N, C-alpha and C. Protein backbone atom coordinates (compact mmCIF):
# COMPACT_ATOMS: atom_id res chain seq x y z
N UNK A 1 -19.51 2.12 22.54
CA UNK A 1 -18.27 2.13 22.01
C UNK A 1 -17.60 2.33 23.12
N UNK A 2 -16.44 1.22 23.14
CA UNK A 2 -15.55 1.50 24.53
C UNK A 2 -14.63 2.74 24.30
N UNK A 3 -13.86 2.95 25.10
CA UNK A 3 -12.91 3.79 25.08
C UNK A 3 -11.99 3.55 23.96
N UNK A 4 -11.34 2.46 24.51
CA UNK A 4 -10.39 2.02 23.55
C UNK A 4 -10.78 1.79 21.59
N UNK A 5 -12.10 1.64 21.31
CA UNK A 5 -12.45 1.65 20.10
C UNK A 5 -12.63 3.18 19.58
N UNK A 6 -13.28 3.87 20.58
CA UNK A 6 -12.96 5.22 20.39
C UNK A 6 -11.57 5.65 19.87
N UNK A 7 -10.43 5.53 20.77
CA UNK A 7 -9.13 5.85 20.10
C UNK A 7 -8.71 5.45 19.06
N UNK A 8 -9.18 4.04 18.75
CA UNK A 8 -8.77 3.26 17.65
C UNK A 8 -9.32 3.90 16.28
N UNK A 9 -10.66 4.57 16.72
CA UNK A 9 -11.29 5.14 15.52
C UNK A 9 -10.85 6.65 15.19
N UNK A 10 -10.42 7.21 15.90
CA UNK A 10 -9.89 8.22 16.07
C UNK A 10 -8.17 8.21 15.56
N UNK A 11 -7.46 7.11 15.93
CA UNK A 11 -6.30 7.11 15.28
C UNK A 11 -6.10 6.62 13.78
N UNK A 12 -7.34 5.75 13.27
CA UNK A 12 -7.66 5.31 12.00
C UNK A 12 -7.97 6.52 11.20
N UNK A 13 -8.90 7.40 11.71
CA UNK A 13 -9.51 8.54 11.20
C UNK A 13 -8.33 9.69 10.90
N UNK A 14 -7.24 9.71 12.07
CA UNK A 14 -6.20 10.96 11.70
C UNK A 14 -5.31 10.57 10.68
N UNK A 15 -4.82 9.05 10.61
CA UNK A 15 -3.87 8.45 9.94
C UNK A 15 -4.46 8.55 8.53
N UNK A 16 -5.92 8.27 8.27
CA UNK A 16 -6.58 8.31 6.91
C UNK A 16 -6.45 9.66 6.62
N UNK A 17 -6.66 10.74 7.22
CA UNK A 17 -6.85 12.03 6.49
C UNK A 17 -5.23 12.51 6.38
N UNK A 18 -4.54 12.25 7.15
CA UNK A 18 -2.73 12.34 6.97
C UNK A 18 -2.38 11.61 5.57
N UNK A 19 -2.75 10.69 5.33
CA UNK A 19 -2.71 9.63 4.09
C UNK A 19 -3.20 10.36 2.88
N UNK A 20 -4.43 10.70 3.07
CA UNK A 20 -5.03 10.95 1.97
C UNK A 20 -4.57 12.51 1.42
N UNK A 21 -4.52 13.32 2.33
CA UNK A 21 -3.76 14.74 2.24
C UNK A 21 -2.21 14.57 1.62
N UNK A 22 -1.54 13.70 2.38
CA UNK A 22 -0.35 13.76 1.86
C UNK A 22 -0.02 12.98 0.80
N UNK A 23 -0.63 11.88 0.16
CA UNK A 23 -0.79 11.42 -1.03
C UNK A 23 -1.28 12.20 -2.31
N UNK A 24 -2.02 13.12 -2.15
CA UNK A 24 -2.68 14.00 -3.27
C UNK A 24 -1.48 15.32 -3.35
N UNK A 25 -1.28 15.51 -1.82
CA UNK A 25 0.23 16.80 -2.39
C UNK A 25 1.16 16.34 -2.69
N UNK A 26 1.49 14.79 -2.51
CA UNK A 26 2.61 14.11 -3.00
C UNK A 26 2.97 14.25 -4.53
N UNK A 27 1.52 14.05 -4.75
CA UNK A 27 1.32 13.79 -6.43
C UNK A 27 1.38 15.21 -7.01
N UNK A 28 1.10 16.03 -6.30
CA UNK A 28 0.86 17.56 -7.29
C UNK A 28 2.40 17.99 -7.21
N UNK A 29 2.96 17.88 -6.06
CA UNK A 29 4.22 18.48 -5.78
C UNK A 29 5.37 17.59 -6.89
N UNK A 30 5.37 16.53 -7.20
CA UNK A 30 5.97 15.79 -7.91
C UNK A 30 5.70 15.57 -9.58
N UNK A 31 4.60 16.26 -9.89
CA UNK A 31 4.15 15.82 -11.31
C UNK A 31 5.31 16.56 -12.46
N UNK A 32 6.18 17.57 -12.22
CA UNK A 32 6.93 17.95 -13.21
C UNK A 32 8.30 17.50 -13.19
N UNK A 33 8.33 16.37 -12.26
CA UNK A 33 9.46 15.79 -12.52
C UNK A 33 10.03 14.98 -13.56
N UNK A 34 11.04 14.50 -14.04
CA UNK A 34 11.15 13.82 -14.90
C UNK A 34 11.00 12.04 -14.54
N UNK A 35 10.42 11.46 -15.06
CA UNK A 35 10.14 10.33 -14.97
C UNK A 35 9.17 10.14 -13.32
N UNK A 36 7.95 10.86 -13.23
CA UNK A 36 7.51 10.73 -11.92
C UNK A 36 6.57 9.14 -11.62
N UNK A 37 6.83 8.49 -12.15
CA UNK A 37 6.15 7.20 -12.05
C UNK A 37 6.04 6.66 -10.53
N UNK A 38 7.32 6.50 -10.04
CA UNK A 38 7.39 6.19 -8.59
C UNK A 38 6.50 6.89 -7.50
N UNK A 39 6.70 8.45 -7.99
CA UNK A 39 6.15 9.44 -7.00
C UNK A 39 4.48 9.33 -7.30
N UNK A 40 4.28 9.00 -8.62
CA UNK A 40 2.60 8.93 -8.45
C UNK A 40 2.23 7.45 -8.34
N UNK A 41 2.80 6.54 -8.25
CA UNK A 41 2.41 5.22 -7.43
C UNK A 41 2.42 5.28 -5.99
N UNK A 42 3.50 5.99 -5.41
CA UNK A 42 3.04 6.40 -4.01
C UNK A 42 2.32 7.61 -3.73
N UNK A 43 2.03 8.20 -4.31
CA UNK A 43 0.76 9.12 -3.97
C UNK A 43 -0.51 8.39 -3.99
N UNK A 44 -0.58 7.65 -5.22
CA UNK A 44 -1.87 7.00 -5.21
C UNK A 44 -2.08 5.73 -4.07
N UNK A 45 -1.28 5.01 -3.74
CA UNK A 45 -1.15 4.29 -2.85
C UNK A 45 -1.53 5.14 -1.13
N UNK A 46 -0.94 6.16 -1.03
CA UNK A 46 -1.08 7.00 0.05
C UNK A 46 -2.53 7.60 0.07
N UNK A 47 -2.58 7.92 -0.91
CA UNK A 47 -4.24 8.69 -1.14
C UNK A 47 -5.61 7.57 -0.90
N UNK A 48 -5.36 6.21 -1.83
CA UNK A 48 -6.47 5.26 -1.72
C UNK A 48 -6.37 4.51 -0.14
N UNK A 49 -5.40 4.82 0.37
CA UNK A 49 -5.00 3.96 1.75
C UNK A 49 -5.90 5.01 2.71
N UNK A 50 -5.51 6.10 2.50
CA UNK A 50 -6.25 7.08 3.34
C UNK A 50 -7.80 6.89 3.21
N UNK A 51 -8.32 7.18 2.01
CA UNK A 51 -9.49 6.75 1.85
C UNK A 51 -10.33 5.61 2.55
N UNK A 52 -9.32 4.44 2.34
CA UNK A 52 -9.99 3.31 3.17
C UNK A 52 -10.00 3.25 4.69
N UNK A 53 -8.87 4.18 5.22
CA UNK A 53 -9.05 4.12 6.75
C UNK A 53 -9.99 5.11 6.99
N UNK A 54 -10.49 6.08 6.35
CA UNK A 54 -11.37 7.34 6.51
C UNK A 54 -12.77 6.45 6.28
N UNK A 55 -12.93 5.31 6.09
CA UNK A 55 -14.11 5.19 5.61
C UNK A 55 -14.56 3.67 5.68
N UNK A 56 -14.34 3.03 6.94
CA UNK A 56 -14.78 1.81 7.50
C UNK A 56 -16.24 1.59 7.59
N UNK A 57 -16.93 2.43 7.47
CA UNK A 57 -18.49 2.08 7.36
C UNK A 57 -18.44 1.46 5.62
N UNK A 58 -17.85 2.16 4.66
CA UNK A 58 -17.84 1.50 3.48
C UNK A 58 -17.58 0.46 2.80
N UNK A 59 -16.03 0.41 3.83
CA UNK A 59 -15.07 -0.77 3.27
C UNK A 59 -15.09 -1.54 4.28
N UNK A 60 -15.82 -2.81 4.51
CA UNK A 60 -15.74 -3.67 5.40
C UNK A 60 -14.70 -4.46 5.48
N UNK A 61 -13.86 -4.62 6.29
CA UNK A 61 -12.32 -5.26 6.69
C UNK A 61 -12.37 -6.42 7.66
N UNK A 62 -11.92 -7.56 7.36
CA UNK A 62 -11.96 -8.45 8.44
C UNK A 62 -10.96 -8.16 9.07
N UNK A 63 -10.99 -8.30 10.72
CA UNK A 63 -9.76 -7.74 11.39
C UNK A 63 -8.85 -8.71 11.31
N UNK A 64 -8.68 -9.67 11.54
CA UNK A 64 -7.58 -10.72 11.40
C UNK A 64 -7.08 -10.57 10.08
N UNK A 65 -7.52 -10.96 8.98
CA UNK A 65 -7.33 -10.92 8.00
C UNK A 65 -6.48 -9.64 7.62
N UNK A 66 -6.91 -8.45 7.86
CA UNK A 66 -6.39 -7.27 7.51
C UNK A 66 -4.99 -7.15 8.16
N UNK A 67 -5.03 -7.49 9.43
CA UNK A 67 -4.01 -7.17 9.89
C UNK A 67 -2.61 -7.91 9.46
N UNK A 68 -3.08 -9.35 9.14
CA UNK A 68 -1.86 -10.37 8.79
C UNK A 68 -1.57 -9.90 7.54
N UNK A 69 -2.38 -9.68 6.36
CA UNK A 69 -2.16 -8.93 5.41
C UNK A 69 -1.54 -7.80 5.27
N UNK A 70 -1.75 -6.74 6.18
CA UNK A 70 -0.85 -5.26 6.13
C UNK A 70 0.38 -5.88 6.95
N UNK A 71 0.62 -6.57 7.49
CA UNK A 71 2.01 -6.88 8.36
C UNK A 71 2.77 -7.48 7.41
N UNK A 72 2.22 -8.65 6.81
CA UNK A 72 2.87 -9.53 5.87
C UNK A 72 3.16 -8.53 4.75
N UNK A 73 2.52 -7.63 4.06
CA UNK A 73 3.01 -7.02 3.11
C UNK A 73 4.10 -5.86 3.58
N UNK A 74 3.76 -5.53 4.31
CA UNK A 74 4.82 -4.34 5.03
C UNK A 74 6.21 -4.97 4.80
N UNK A 75 6.24 -5.97 5.58
CA UNK A 75 7.50 -6.93 5.80
C UNK A 75 8.50 -7.42 4.42
N UNK A 76 7.34 -7.87 3.47
CA UNK A 76 7.63 -8.20 2.48
C UNK A 76 8.17 -7.46 1.33
N UNK A 77 7.58 -6.26 0.99
CA UNK A 77 7.51 -5.45 0.40
C UNK A 77 8.83 -4.53 0.68
N UNK A 78 8.82 -4.38 1.70
CA UNK A 78 10.28 -3.55 2.44
C UNK A 78 11.53 -4.53 2.20
N UNK A 79 11.24 -5.81 2.09
CA UNK A 79 12.47 -6.85 2.15
C UNK A 79 12.77 -6.82 0.46
N UNK A 80 11.72 -6.99 -0.28
CA UNK A 80 11.74 -6.96 -1.73
C UNK A 80 12.25 -5.86 -2.46
N UNK A 81 12.25 -4.54 -1.71
CA UNK A 81 12.61 -3.11 -2.16
C UNK A 81 14.01 -3.01 -1.71
N UNK A 82 14.52 -3.95 -1.25
CA UNK A 82 16.09 -4.19 -1.07
C UNK A 82 16.86 -4.63 -2.27
N UNK A 83 16.04 -5.14 -3.34
CA UNK A 83 16.59 -5.86 -4.52
C UNK A 83 16.78 -4.77 -5.50
N UNK A 84 16.16 -3.42 -5.54
CA UNK A 84 16.50 -2.09 -5.96
C UNK A 84 17.59 -1.61 -5.62
N UNK A 85 18.66 -1.67 -6.35
CA UNK A 85 20.02 -1.02 -5.91
C UNK A 85 20.26 0.19 -6.97
N UNK A 86 21.11 1.48 -6.13
CA UNK A 86 21.25 2.71 -7.27
C UNK A 86 22.62 3.09 -6.35
N UNK A 87 23.60 3.25 -7.53
CA UNK A 87 24.70 4.02 -6.87
C UNK A 87 25.03 5.30 -8.05
N UNK A 88 25.54 6.25 -7.43
CA UNK A 88 25.73 7.29 -8.10
C UNK A 88 26.96 7.87 -7.23
N UNK A 89 27.75 8.74 -8.34
CA UNK A 89 28.77 9.75 -7.83
C UNK A 89 28.34 11.22 -7.95
N UNK A 90 28.83 11.93 -6.83
CA UNK A 90 28.19 13.25 -6.73
C UNK A 90 29.39 13.99 -6.29
N UNK A 91 29.54 15.38 -6.75
CA UNK A 91 30.06 16.59 -6.13
C UNK A 91 31.95 16.07 -6.32
N UNK A 92 32.42 16.61 -5.78
CA UNK A 92 33.56 16.05 -5.78
C UNK A 92 34.04 14.83 -5.22
N UNK A 93 34.04 13.67 -6.00
CA UNK A 93 34.34 12.19 -5.59
C UNK A 93 33.37 11.75 -4.72
N UNK A 94 32.38 11.83 -4.31
CA UNK A 94 31.01 11.28 -3.51
C UNK A 94 30.38 10.02 -4.12
N UNK A 95 31.00 8.78 -3.39
CA UNK A 95 30.11 7.87 -4.09
C UNK A 95 29.39 7.08 -2.80
N UNK A 96 27.97 6.83 -3.16
CA UNK A 96 27.13 6.59 -2.68
C UNK A 96 26.05 5.52 -3.52
N UNK A 97 26.00 4.11 -2.33
CA UNK A 97 25.12 3.16 -2.97
C UNK A 97 24.25 2.90 -2.16
N UNK A 98 23.05 2.87 -2.71
CA UNK A 98 21.81 2.88 -1.65
C UNK A 98 20.37 1.64 -2.01
N UNK A 99 19.91 1.05 -1.63
CA UNK A 99 18.96 0.27 -1.80
C UNK A 99 17.60 0.54 -0.79
N UNK A 100 16.48 0.04 -1.74
CA UNK A 100 15.14 0.26 -0.74
C UNK A 100 14.13 0.65 -1.96
N UNK A 101 13.08 0.49 -2.21
CA UNK A 101 11.88 0.97 -3.20
C UNK A 101 10.50 1.02 -2.41
N UNK A 102 10.04 2.28 -2.29
CA UNK A 102 10.08 3.42 -2.81
C UNK A 102 11.30 4.22 -2.34
N UNK A 103 11.57 4.00 -1.13
CA UNK A 103 12.68 4.79 -0.69
C UNK A 103 13.85 4.25 -0.43
N UNK A 104 14.83 4.93 -0.53
CA UNK A 104 16.15 4.60 -0.16
C UNK A 104 16.13 4.67 1.31
N UNK A 105 16.47 3.24 2.11
CA UNK A 105 16.39 3.18 3.16
C UNK A 105 17.96 2.35 3.69
N UNK A 106 18.49 1.96 3.03
CA UNK A 106 20.06 1.44 3.06
C UNK A 106 20.86 1.93 2.53
N UNK A 107 21.78 2.53 2.89
CA UNK A 107 23.03 3.27 2.07
C UNK A 107 24.50 2.82 2.69
N UNK A 108 25.22 3.30 2.09
CA UNK A 108 26.92 3.29 2.07
C UNK A 108 27.33 4.20 1.38
N UNK A 109 28.13 4.90 1.77
CA UNK A 109 29.01 5.77 1.12
C UNK A 109 30.19 6.41 1.39
N UNK A 110 31.30 6.87 0.47
CA UNK A 110 32.39 7.58 0.94
C UNK A 110 32.96 8.80 0.01
N UNK A 111 33.80 9.71 0.67
CA UNK A 111 34.38 10.33 -0.24
C UNK A 111 36.30 10.12 -0.46
N UNK A 112 36.67 10.63 -1.55
CA UNK A 112 37.95 10.53 -1.36
C UNK A 112 38.47 11.22 -2.43
N UNK A 113 39.94 11.52 -2.88
CA UNK A 113 40.20 12.29 -4.03
C UNK A 113 40.23 12.20 -5.31
N UNK A 114 39.59 10.92 -5.57
CA UNK A 114 39.21 10.41 -6.81
C UNK A 114 37.97 9.71 -7.05
N UNK A 115 37.24 9.39 -8.22
CA UNK A 115 36.10 8.56 -7.88
C UNK A 115 36.43 6.87 -7.79
N UNK A 116 37.50 6.55 -8.37
CA UNK A 116 37.64 5.05 -7.89
C UNK A 116 37.50 4.71 -6.40
N UNK A 117 38.76 5.52 -5.98
CA UNK A 117 39.07 5.47 -4.70
C UNK A 117 37.71 5.60 -3.54
N UNK A 118 36.76 6.53 -3.96
CA UNK A 118 35.67 6.85 -3.13
C UNK A 118 35.06 5.48 -3.26
N UNK A 119 34.59 5.00 -4.51
CA UNK A 119 33.83 3.78 -4.91
C UNK A 119 34.29 2.48 -3.89
N UNK A 120 35.55 2.33 -3.76
CA UNK A 120 36.44 1.21 -3.47
C UNK A 120 36.38 1.40 -1.52
N UNK A 121 36.35 2.62 -1.05
CA UNK A 121 36.12 2.86 0.23
C UNK A 121 34.47 2.61 0.44
N UNK A 122 33.72 3.09 -0.35
CA UNK A 122 32.32 2.82 -0.17
C UNK A 122 31.80 1.59 0.31
N UNK A 123 32.40 0.61 -0.77
CA UNK A 123 31.88 -0.91 -0.56
C UNK A 123 32.88 -1.53 0.14
N UNK A 124 33.78 -1.04 0.77
CA UNK A 124 34.69 -1.62 2.14
C UNK A 124 33.47 -0.98 3.40
N UNK A 125 33.09 -0.01 3.23
CA UNK A 125 32.28 0.24 4.64
C UNK A 125 30.81 -0.22 4.82
N UNK A 126 30.48 -0.36 5.85
CA UNK A 126 29.45 -0.78 6.48
C UNK A 126 27.93 -0.31 5.81
N UNK A 127 26.73 -0.77 5.54
CA UNK A 127 25.45 -0.03 5.67
C UNK A 127 24.91 0.80 6.36
N UNK A 128 24.32 1.56 6.48
CA UNK A 128 23.87 2.42 7.42
C UNK A 128 22.14 2.31 7.09
N UNK A 129 21.58 2.30 8.18
CA UNK A 129 20.12 2.17 8.00
C UNK A 129 19.49 3.71 7.92
N UNK A 130 18.52 4.41 7.17
CA UNK A 130 17.86 5.56 7.46
C UNK A 130 16.62 5.26 8.39
N UNK A 131 16.37 5.35 9.18
CA UNK A 131 15.37 5.04 9.98
C UNK A 131 13.79 5.76 9.55
N UNK A 132 14.14 6.91 8.98
CA UNK A 132 12.91 7.82 8.52
C UNK A 132 12.37 7.04 7.37
N UNK A 133 13.16 7.04 6.73
CA UNK A 133 12.96 6.45 4.95
C UNK A 133 12.37 4.91 5.28
N UNK A 134 12.95 3.92 6.19
CA UNK A 134 12.53 2.84 6.66
C UNK A 134 11.15 2.96 7.06
N UNK A 135 10.92 3.66 8.00
CA UNK A 135 9.73 3.69 8.55
C UNK A 135 8.58 4.13 7.57
N UNK A 136 8.82 5.16 6.59
CA UNK A 136 7.95 5.21 5.15
C UNK A 136 7.99 4.30 4.10
N UNK A 137 8.71 3.41 4.05
CA UNK A 137 8.84 2.48 3.34
C UNK A 137 7.75 1.44 4.10
N UNK A 138 8.08 1.00 5.45
CA UNK A 138 7.08 0.09 5.78
C UNK A 138 5.66 0.55 5.93
N UNK A 139 5.31 2.05 6.02
CA UNK A 139 3.81 2.85 5.89
C UNK A 139 3.40 2.53 4.50
N UNK A 140 4.01 2.65 3.41
CA UNK A 140 3.60 2.49 1.96
C UNK A 140 3.17 1.26 1.77
N UNK A 141 4.01 0.09 1.89
CA UNK A 141 3.81 -1.23 2.03
C UNK A 141 2.66 -1.72 2.99
N UNK A 142 2.31 -1.10 3.85
CA UNK A 142 1.19 -1.53 4.87
C UNK A 142 -0.14 -1.16 4.23
N UNK A 143 -0.01 0.26 3.79
CA UNK A 143 -1.14 0.74 2.88
C UNK A 143 -1.53 -0.07 1.58
N UNK A 144 -0.27 -0.39 1.20
CA UNK A 144 -0.46 -1.37 0.07
C UNK A 144 -0.99 -2.80 0.28
N UNK A 145 -1.12 -3.40 1.62
CA UNK A 145 -1.65 -4.46 1.83
C UNK A 145 -2.95 -3.99 2.20
N UNK A 146 -3.39 -3.05 3.15
CA UNK A 146 -4.42 -2.61 3.20
C UNK A 146 -5.46 -2.39 1.84
N UNK A 147 -4.91 -1.90 0.79
CA UNK A 147 -5.69 -1.81 -0.52
C UNK A 147 -5.88 -3.48 -0.72
N UNK A 148 -5.12 -4.05 -0.97
CA UNK A 148 -5.10 -5.54 -1.31
C UNK A 148 -6.35 -6.13 -0.40
N UNK A 149 -6.26 -6.06 0.77
CA UNK A 149 -7.57 -6.53 1.45
C UNK A 149 -9.10 -6.05 1.13
N UNK A 150 -8.73 -5.08 0.91
CA UNK A 150 -9.87 -3.98 0.38
C UNK A 150 -10.47 -4.24 -1.03
N UNK A 151 -9.84 -4.52 -1.86
CA UNK A 151 -10.19 -4.84 -3.00
C UNK A 151 -10.65 -6.27 -3.50
N UNK A 152 -9.72 -7.21 -2.34
CA UNK A 152 -10.17 -8.72 -2.40
C UNK A 152 -11.54 -8.78 -1.72
N UNK A 153 -11.84 -8.37 -0.88
CA UNK A 153 -13.18 -8.22 -0.43
C UNK A 153 -14.26 -7.58 -1.00
N UNK A 154 -13.76 -6.37 -2.01
CA UNK A 154 -15.00 -5.97 -2.56
C UNK A 154 -15.14 -6.93 -3.83
N UNK A 155 -14.34 -7.52 -4.01
CA UNK A 155 -14.45 -8.44 -5.37
C UNK A 155 -15.34 -9.59 -5.15
N UNK A 156 -15.07 -10.17 -3.82
CA UNK A 156 -15.73 -11.06 -3.57
C UNK A 156 -16.92 -10.95 -3.09
N UNK A 157 -17.20 -9.79 -2.56
CA UNK A 157 -18.69 -9.44 -2.53
C UNK A 157 -19.50 -9.17 -3.70
N UNK A 158 -18.93 -8.49 -4.44
CA UNK A 158 -19.64 -8.73 -5.96
C UNK A 158 -19.80 -10.08 -6.51
N UNK A 159 -19.01 -10.66 -6.31
CA UNK A 159 -19.09 -12.17 -6.98
C UNK A 159 -20.16 -12.87 -6.43
N UNK A 160 -20.34 -12.68 -4.86
CA UNK A 160 -21.17 -13.24 -4.33
C UNK A 160 -22.72 -12.60 -4.53
N UNK A 161 -22.88 -11.10 -5.25
CA UNK A 161 -24.07 -10.64 -5.51
C UNK A 161 -24.38 -11.28 -6.86
N UNK A 162 -23.25 -11.22 -7.44
CA UNK A 162 -23.96 -11.90 -8.91
C UNK A 162 -24.31 -13.26 -8.89
N UNK A 163 -24.06 -13.98 -8.14
CA UNK A 163 -24.03 -15.29 -7.76
C UNK A 163 -25.83 -15.73 -7.53
N UNK A 164 -25.87 -14.47 -6.51
CA UNK A 164 -27.29 -14.57 -5.59
C UNK A 164 -28.50 -14.12 -6.85
N UNK A 165 -28.21 -13.29 -7.78
CA UNK A 165 -28.92 -12.62 -8.40
C UNK A 165 -28.98 -13.79 -9.63
N UNK A 166 -28.14 -14.66 -9.99
CA UNK A 166 -28.32 -16.03 -11.23
C UNK A 166 -29.26 -17.21 -10.55
N UNK A 167 -29.38 -17.13 -8.68
CA UNK A 167 -29.82 -18.25 -8.69
C UNK A 167 -31.33 -18.41 -8.51
N UNK A 168 -32.30 -18.72 -9.42
CA UNK A 168 -33.77 -18.47 -9.41
C UNK A 168 -34.14 -19.11 -8.24
N UNK A 169 -35.09 -18.01 -7.32
CA UNK A 169 -35.61 -18.72 -6.01
C UNK A 169 -36.93 -19.19 -6.22
N UNK A 170 -37.22 -20.39 -6.00
CA UNK A 170 -38.52 -21.30 -6.09
C UNK A 170 -39.40 -20.68 -5.17
N UNK A 171 -40.73 -20.61 -5.51
CA UNK A 171 -41.48 -19.99 -4.54
C UNK A 171 -42.19 -21.02 -3.20
N UNK A 172 -41.82 -22.23 -3.59
CA UNK A 172 -42.25 -23.10 -2.60
C UNK A 172 -43.15 -24.09 -3.07
N UNK A 173 -43.35 -25.47 -1.93
CA UNK A 173 -44.79 -26.03 -2.38
C UNK A 173 -45.83 -25.67 -1.98
N UNK A 174 -46.70 -25.84 -3.18
CA UNK A 174 -48.41 -24.89 -2.66
C UNK A 174 -48.41 -23.95 -3.04
N UNK A 175 -47.46 -23.01 -3.60
CA UNK A 175 -47.59 -21.83 -4.13
C UNK A 175 -47.49 -21.41 -5.50
N UNK A 176 -48.70 -20.96 -6.38
CA UNK A 176 -48.67 -20.92 -7.30
C UNK A 176 -47.74 -19.94 -7.96
N UNK A 177 -47.28 -20.29 -9.20
CA UNK A 177 -46.20 -19.85 -9.82
C UNK A 177 -46.93 -18.74 -10.88
N UNK A 178 -46.48 -17.40 -11.34
CA UNK A 178 -46.92 -16.66 -12.06
C UNK A 178 -46.27 -16.59 -13.38
N UNK A 179 -46.48 -15.93 -14.26
CA UNK A 179 -46.09 -15.66 -15.24
C UNK A 179 -46.27 -16.56 -16.62
N UNK A 180 -45.61 -16.70 -17.63
CA UNK A 180 -45.70 -17.02 -18.80
C UNK A 180 -45.08 -18.80 -18.82
N UNK A 181 -45.78 -19.49 -19.32
CA UNK A 181 -45.81 -20.67 -19.01
C UNK A 181 -46.23 -21.49 -17.37
N UNK A 182 -46.82 -20.54 -16.55
CA UNK A 182 -47.07 -21.19 -15.02
C UNK A 182 -48.23 -22.25 -15.37
N UNK A 183 -47.80 -23.56 -14.64
CA UNK A 183 -48.84 -24.77 -14.73
C UNK A 183 -48.89 -25.54 -15.78
N UNK A 184 -47.90 -25.45 -16.47
CA UNK A 184 -47.37 -26.38 -17.49
C UNK A 184 -46.34 -27.26 -17.10
N UNK A 185 -46.58 -28.40 -17.56
CA UNK A 185 -45.85 -29.43 -17.15
C UNK A 185 -44.46 -29.28 -18.02
């Protein structure tokens, strides 16, 4: 094994361990929240993705297809997450509008003397990118892409195994057949 392969294996193992432990911890910490569906999805994707990263010997992943699917899913999922918008008023007339799923990573907001003015000022202001939430969003969707490749590969292998089990194997010419009906035309 070359030095770069060792570094890659160590990095994959570290990311897998952190993702697995982080996903399970995320789920446990957010069980009592009202409407924990998003947190359970995030925890499950992080945990399952961590397991896939930790077990490359059990989950055969094609290199190029995995890279393409992971990057494509990360970008598409993060972009599609912008369709999820939330707006809220907090405190003494603070208005915040944000976008992103599962993490809000694009936001704009304002404070004013009344709620209507805060909303108007916020809508006139520019959007701000939260780099930490953007990185977490990209990582979540990248792990989702990794799971898509792992599940698709597993289903293909199961299908191939079933097809092989159904194909009768002929013993070949000149080899006597055994069993009921052997030798009968």
